[in-house]
Amino acid sequence: MSVDGLGNPLELRITGGEKSDITQGEELIEGWQRKDTKVIGDKGYDADKLIEKIGEAQAVIPPKRNRKTQRHYDKHLYQERHLIE
């Protein structure tokens, strides 16, 4: 699901329970590559391909532990992910 800054739904995609969330990540952010946009996601969205697709927008996605090079992310902004319930 993608939401605006207030948590209002913008787009919802439903997949089977066996599908990984990241399979829908690129489509959910399509057209959102602006500098002032924040893309918040959990560790399941930590993939180089998606981070590159986010582009100039700010990726607020914690890196997985097994990453060779850990990326920085805004931990305070990451706490805002609770807006999606």
N, C-alpha and C. Protein backbone atom coordinates (compact mmCIF):
# COMPACT_ATOMS: atom_id res chain seq x y z
N MET A 1 0.84 -1.16 0.00
CA MET A 1 0.00 0.00 0.00
C MET A 1 0.89 1.23 0.00
N SER A 2 0.50 2.23 -0.73
CA SER A 2 1.18 3.51 -0.66
C SER A 2 0.20 4.53 -0.08
N VAL A 3 0.75 5.45 0.73
CA VAL A 3 -0.07 6.46 1.39
C VAL A 3 0.61 7.82 1.25
N ASP A 4 -0.16 8.88 1.50
CA ASP A 4 0.45 10.20 1.51
C ASP A 4 1.04 10.48 2.89
N GLY A 5 1.53 11.68 3.12
CA GLY A 5 2.18 12.04 4.36
C GLY A 5 1.29 11.97 5.59
N LEU A 6 -0.02 11.96 5.40
CA LEU A 6 -0.96 11.87 6.52
C LEU A 6 -1.49 10.46 6.74
N GLY A 7 -1.05 9.53 5.91
CA GLY A 7 -1.50 8.15 6.03
C GLY A 7 -2.73 7.83 5.21
N ASN A 8 -3.17 8.77 4.36
CA ASN A 8 -4.33 8.52 3.50
C ASN A 8 -3.92 7.59 2.36
N PRO A 9 -4.69 6.53 2.12
CA PRO A 9 -4.32 5.56 1.07
C PRO A 9 -4.30 6.19 -0.32
N LEU A 10 -3.29 5.85 -1.09
CA LEU A 10 -3.19 6.29 -2.48
C LEU A 10 -3.35 5.11 -3.43
N GLU A 11 -2.74 3.98 -3.07
CA GLU A 11 -2.81 2.80 -3.92
C GLU A 11 -2.67 1.55 -3.07
N LEU A 12 -3.44 0.52 -3.42
CA LEU A 12 -3.40 -0.75 -2.71
C LEU A 12 -3.23 -1.87 -3.72
N ARG A 13 -2.30 -2.76 -3.43
CA ARG A 13 -2.07 -3.93 -4.28
C ARG A 13 -2.17 -5.17 -3.41
N ILE A 14 -2.98 -6.11 -3.84
CA ILE A 14 -3.15 -7.35 -3.09
C ILE A 14 -2.52 -8.48 -3.87
N THR A 15 -1.68 -9.25 -3.18
CA THR A 15 -1.02 -10.40 -3.80
C THR A 15 -1.25 -11.62 -2.92
N GLY A 16 -0.89 -12.76 -3.43
CA GLY A 16 -1.00 -13.98 -2.65
C GLY A 16 -0.04 -13.96 -1.47
N GLY A 17 -0.35 -14.68 -0.44
CA GLY A 17 0.46 -14.71 0.76
C GLY A 17 1.87 -15.25 0.55
N GLU A 18 2.06 -16.01 -0.51
CA GLU A 18 3.38 -16.58 -0.78
C GLU A 18 4.30 -15.59 -1.51
N LYS A 19 3.76 -14.46 -1.97
CA LYS A 19 4.56 -13.47 -2.70
C LYS A 19 5.24 -12.51 -1.74
N SER A 20 6.46 -12.14 -2.06
CA SER A 20 7.20 -11.17 -1.28
C SER A 20 6.66 -9.77 -1.55
N ASP A 21 6.68 -8.91 -0.53
CA ASP A 21 6.19 -7.54 -0.68
C ASP A 21 6.97 -6.76 -1.74
N ILE A 22 8.26 -7.02 -1.83
CA ILE A 22 9.10 -6.25 -2.74
C ILE A 22 8.72 -6.44 -4.21
N THR A 23 7.98 -7.48 -4.52
CA THR A 23 7.57 -7.70 -5.91
C THR A 23 6.67 -6.57 -6.41
N GLN A 24 6.03 -5.84 -5.50
CA GLN A 24 5.15 -4.73 -5.88
C GLN A 24 5.79 -3.37 -5.64
N GLY A 25 6.97 -3.35 -5.02
CA GLY A 25 7.62 -2.10 -4.63
C GLY A 25 7.83 -1.11 -5.76
N GLU A 26 8.39 -1.56 -6.86
CA GLU A 26 8.68 -0.66 -7.98
C GLU A 26 7.41 -0.05 -8.56
N GLU A 27 6.37 -0.83 -8.68
CA GLU A 27 5.12 -0.31 -9.23
C GLU A 27 4.44 0.68 -8.29
N LEU A 28 4.58 0.46 -6.98
CA LEU A 28 3.95 1.37 -6.02
C LEU A 28 4.60 2.75 -6.00
N ILE A 29 5.87 2.84 -6.36
CA ILE A 29 6.54 4.14 -6.34
C ILE A 29 6.64 4.77 -7.72
N GLU A 30 6.06 4.15 -8.71
CA GLU A 30 6.13 4.67 -10.08
C GLU A 30 5.66 6.13 -10.12
N GLY A 31 6.50 6.99 -10.64
CA GLY A 31 6.16 8.41 -10.75
C GLY A 31 6.42 9.23 -9.50
N TRP A 32 7.04 8.66 -8.49
CA TRP A 32 7.27 9.35 -7.21
C TRP A 32 8.72 9.77 -7.03
N GLN A 33 9.51 9.79 -8.06
CA GLN A 33 10.93 10.06 -7.91
C GLN A 33 11.22 11.57 -7.86
N ARG A 34 10.66 12.25 -6.88
CA ARG A 34 10.93 13.67 -6.65
C ARG A 34 11.81 13.81 -5.43
N LYS A 35 12.60 14.89 -5.37
CA LYS A 35 13.52 15.08 -4.25
C LYS A 35 12.81 15.16 -2.91
N ASP A 36 11.62 15.73 -2.87
CA ASP A 36 10.93 15.94 -1.59
C ASP A 36 10.10 14.74 -1.15
N THR A 37 10.14 13.65 -1.88
CA THR A 37 9.37 12.45 -1.55
C THR A 37 10.19 11.53 -0.65
N LYS A 38 9.53 10.94 0.33
CA LYS A 38 10.15 9.96 1.21
C LYS A 38 9.50 8.61 0.93
N VAL A 39 10.29 7.59 0.77
CA VAL A 39 9.78 6.23 0.57
C VAL A 39 10.17 5.44 1.80
N ILE A 40 9.17 5.10 2.62
CA ILE A 40 9.42 4.38 3.87
C ILE A 40 8.99 2.92 3.69
N GLY A 41 9.87 2.02 4.04
CA GLY A 41 9.55 0.60 3.95
C GLY A 41 10.38 -0.18 4.97
N ASP A 42 9.96 -1.40 5.26
CA ASP A 42 10.72 -2.21 6.20
C ASP A 42 11.88 -2.90 5.49
N LYS A 43 12.63 -3.71 6.22
CA LYS A 43 13.83 -4.36 5.66
C LYS A 43 13.52 -5.23 4.44
N GLY A 44 12.30 -5.68 4.32
CA GLY A 44 11.92 -6.51 3.19
C GLY A 44 12.04 -5.77 1.86
N TYR A 45 12.11 -4.44 1.89
CA TYR A 45 12.24 -3.63 0.68
C TYR A 45 13.68 -3.21 0.43
N ASP A 46 14.63 -3.71 1.20
CA ASP A 46 16.03 -3.34 1.03
C ASP A 46 16.65 -4.16 -0.10
N ALA A 47 16.65 -3.59 -1.28
CA ALA A 47 17.26 -4.22 -2.45
C ALA A 47 17.86 -3.10 -3.31
N ASP A 48 19.04 -3.34 -3.82
CA ASP A 48 19.72 -2.31 -4.62
C ASP A 48 18.86 -1.83 -5.78
N LYS A 49 18.18 -2.73 -6.44
CA LYS A 49 17.36 -2.36 -7.60
C LYS A 49 16.25 -1.37 -7.19
N LEU A 50 15.59 -1.62 -6.07
CA LEU A 50 14.53 -0.73 -5.62
C LEU A 50 15.10 0.60 -5.14
N ILE A 51 16.21 0.57 -4.42
CA ILE A 51 16.85 1.79 -3.94
C ILE A 51 17.24 2.67 -5.13
N GLU A 52 17.78 2.07 -6.18
CA GLU A 52 18.12 2.81 -7.39
C GLU A 52 16.89 3.40 -8.04
N LYS A 53 15.80 2.64 -8.07
CA LYS A 53 14.54 3.11 -8.67
C LYS A 53 13.98 4.30 -7.89
N ILE A 54 14.18 4.32 -6.58
CA ILE A 54 13.70 5.44 -5.76
C ILE A 54 14.40 6.72 -6.19
N GLY A 55 15.64 6.61 -6.63
CA GLY A 55 16.36 7.74 -7.22
C GLY A 55 16.56 8.90 -6.27
N GLU A 56 16.10 10.09 -6.67
CA GLU A 56 16.33 11.31 -5.89
C GLU A 56 15.44 11.41 -4.67
N ALA A 57 14.40 10.62 -4.62
CA ALA A 57 13.56 10.59 -3.41
C ALA A 57 14.39 9.98 -2.29
N GLN A 58 14.01 10.22 -1.06
CA GLN A 58 14.76 9.68 0.08
C GLN A 58 14.25 8.30 0.45
N ALA A 59 15.14 7.30 0.40
CA ALA A 59 14.79 5.94 0.80
C ALA A 59 14.96 5.83 2.32
N VAL A 60 13.86 5.57 3.00
CA VAL A 60 13.88 5.37 4.46
C VAL A 60 13.59 3.90 4.71
N ILE A 61 14.58 3.09 4.40
CA ILE A 61 14.48 1.64 4.47
C ILE A 61 15.71 1.13 5.20
N PRO A 62 15.53 0.50 6.36
CA PRO A 62 16.71 0.00 7.08
C PRO A 62 17.41 -1.10 6.28
N PRO A 63 18.73 -1.10 6.30
CA PRO A 63 19.47 -2.13 5.55
C PRO A 63 19.39 -3.48 6.26
N LYS A 64 19.40 -4.53 5.46
CA LYS A 64 19.46 -5.87 6.03
C LYS A 64 20.83 -6.07 6.67
N ARG A 65 20.89 -6.92 7.67
CA ARG A 65 22.14 -7.18 8.37
C ARG A 65 23.24 -7.76 7.49
N ASN A 66 22.85 -8.52 6.49
CA ASN A 66 23.85 -9.20 5.67
C ASN A 66 24.40 -8.33 4.54
N ARG A 67 24.05 -7.05 4.50
CA ARG A 67 24.62 -6.14 3.50
C ARG A 67 26.10 -5.94 3.77
N LYS A 68 26.91 -6.00 2.74
CA LYS A 68 28.35 -5.76 2.90
C LYS A 68 28.61 -4.32 3.29
N THR A 69 27.89 -3.39 2.66
CA THR A 69 28.01 -1.97 2.98
C THR A 69 26.66 -1.51 3.50
N GLN A 70 26.61 -1.15 4.76
CA GLN A 70 25.37 -0.70 5.37
C GLN A 70 25.02 0.71 4.87
N ARG A 71 23.77 0.93 4.52
CA ARG A 71 23.30 2.24 4.08
C ARG A 71 22.78 3.02 5.28
N HIS A 72 22.86 4.34 5.22
CA HIS A 72 22.28 5.19 6.25
C HIS A 72 20.79 5.38 5.94
N TYR A 73 19.97 5.47 6.97
CA TYR A 73 18.56 5.81 6.80
C TYR A 73 18.14 6.64 8.01
N ASP A 74 17.11 7.43 7.86
CA ASP A 74 16.63 8.32 8.92
C ASP A 74 15.77 7.50 9.89
N LYS A 75 16.34 7.17 11.05
CA LYS A 75 15.65 6.31 12.02
C LYS A 75 14.41 6.98 12.61
N HIS A 76 14.44 8.29 12.75
CA HIS A 76 13.28 9.01 13.31
C HIS A 76 12.13 9.02 12.30
N LEU A 77 12.45 9.26 11.05
CA LEU A 77 11.42 9.25 10.01
C LEU A 77 10.86 7.83 9.82
N TYR A 78 11.71 6.83 10.00
CA TYR A 78 11.27 5.43 9.85
C TYR A 78 10.16 5.09 10.82
N GLN A 79 10.14 5.74 11.97
CA GLN A 79 9.08 5.48 12.97
C GLN A 79 7.71 5.90 12.47
N GLU A 80 7.64 6.71 11.42
CA GLU A 80 6.37 7.15 10.84
C GLU A 80 5.68 6.06 10.02
N ARG A 81 6.31 4.91 9.86
CA ARG A 81 5.70 3.83 9.06
C ARG A 81 4.42 3.31 9.69
N HIS A 82 4.17 3.62 10.94
CA HIS A 82 2.95 3.16 11.62
C HIS A 82 1.69 3.75 11.01
N LEU A 83 1.81 4.76 10.15
CA LEU A 83 0.63 5.38 9.54
C LEU A 83 -0.20 4.39 8.72
N ILE A 84 0.45 3.34 8.24
CA ILE A 84 -0.29 2.31 7.49
C ILE A 84 -0.71 1.24 8.49
N GLU A 85 -1.97 1.05 8.64
CA GLU A 85 -2.49 0.04 9.58
C GLU A 85 -3.28 -1.02 8.87
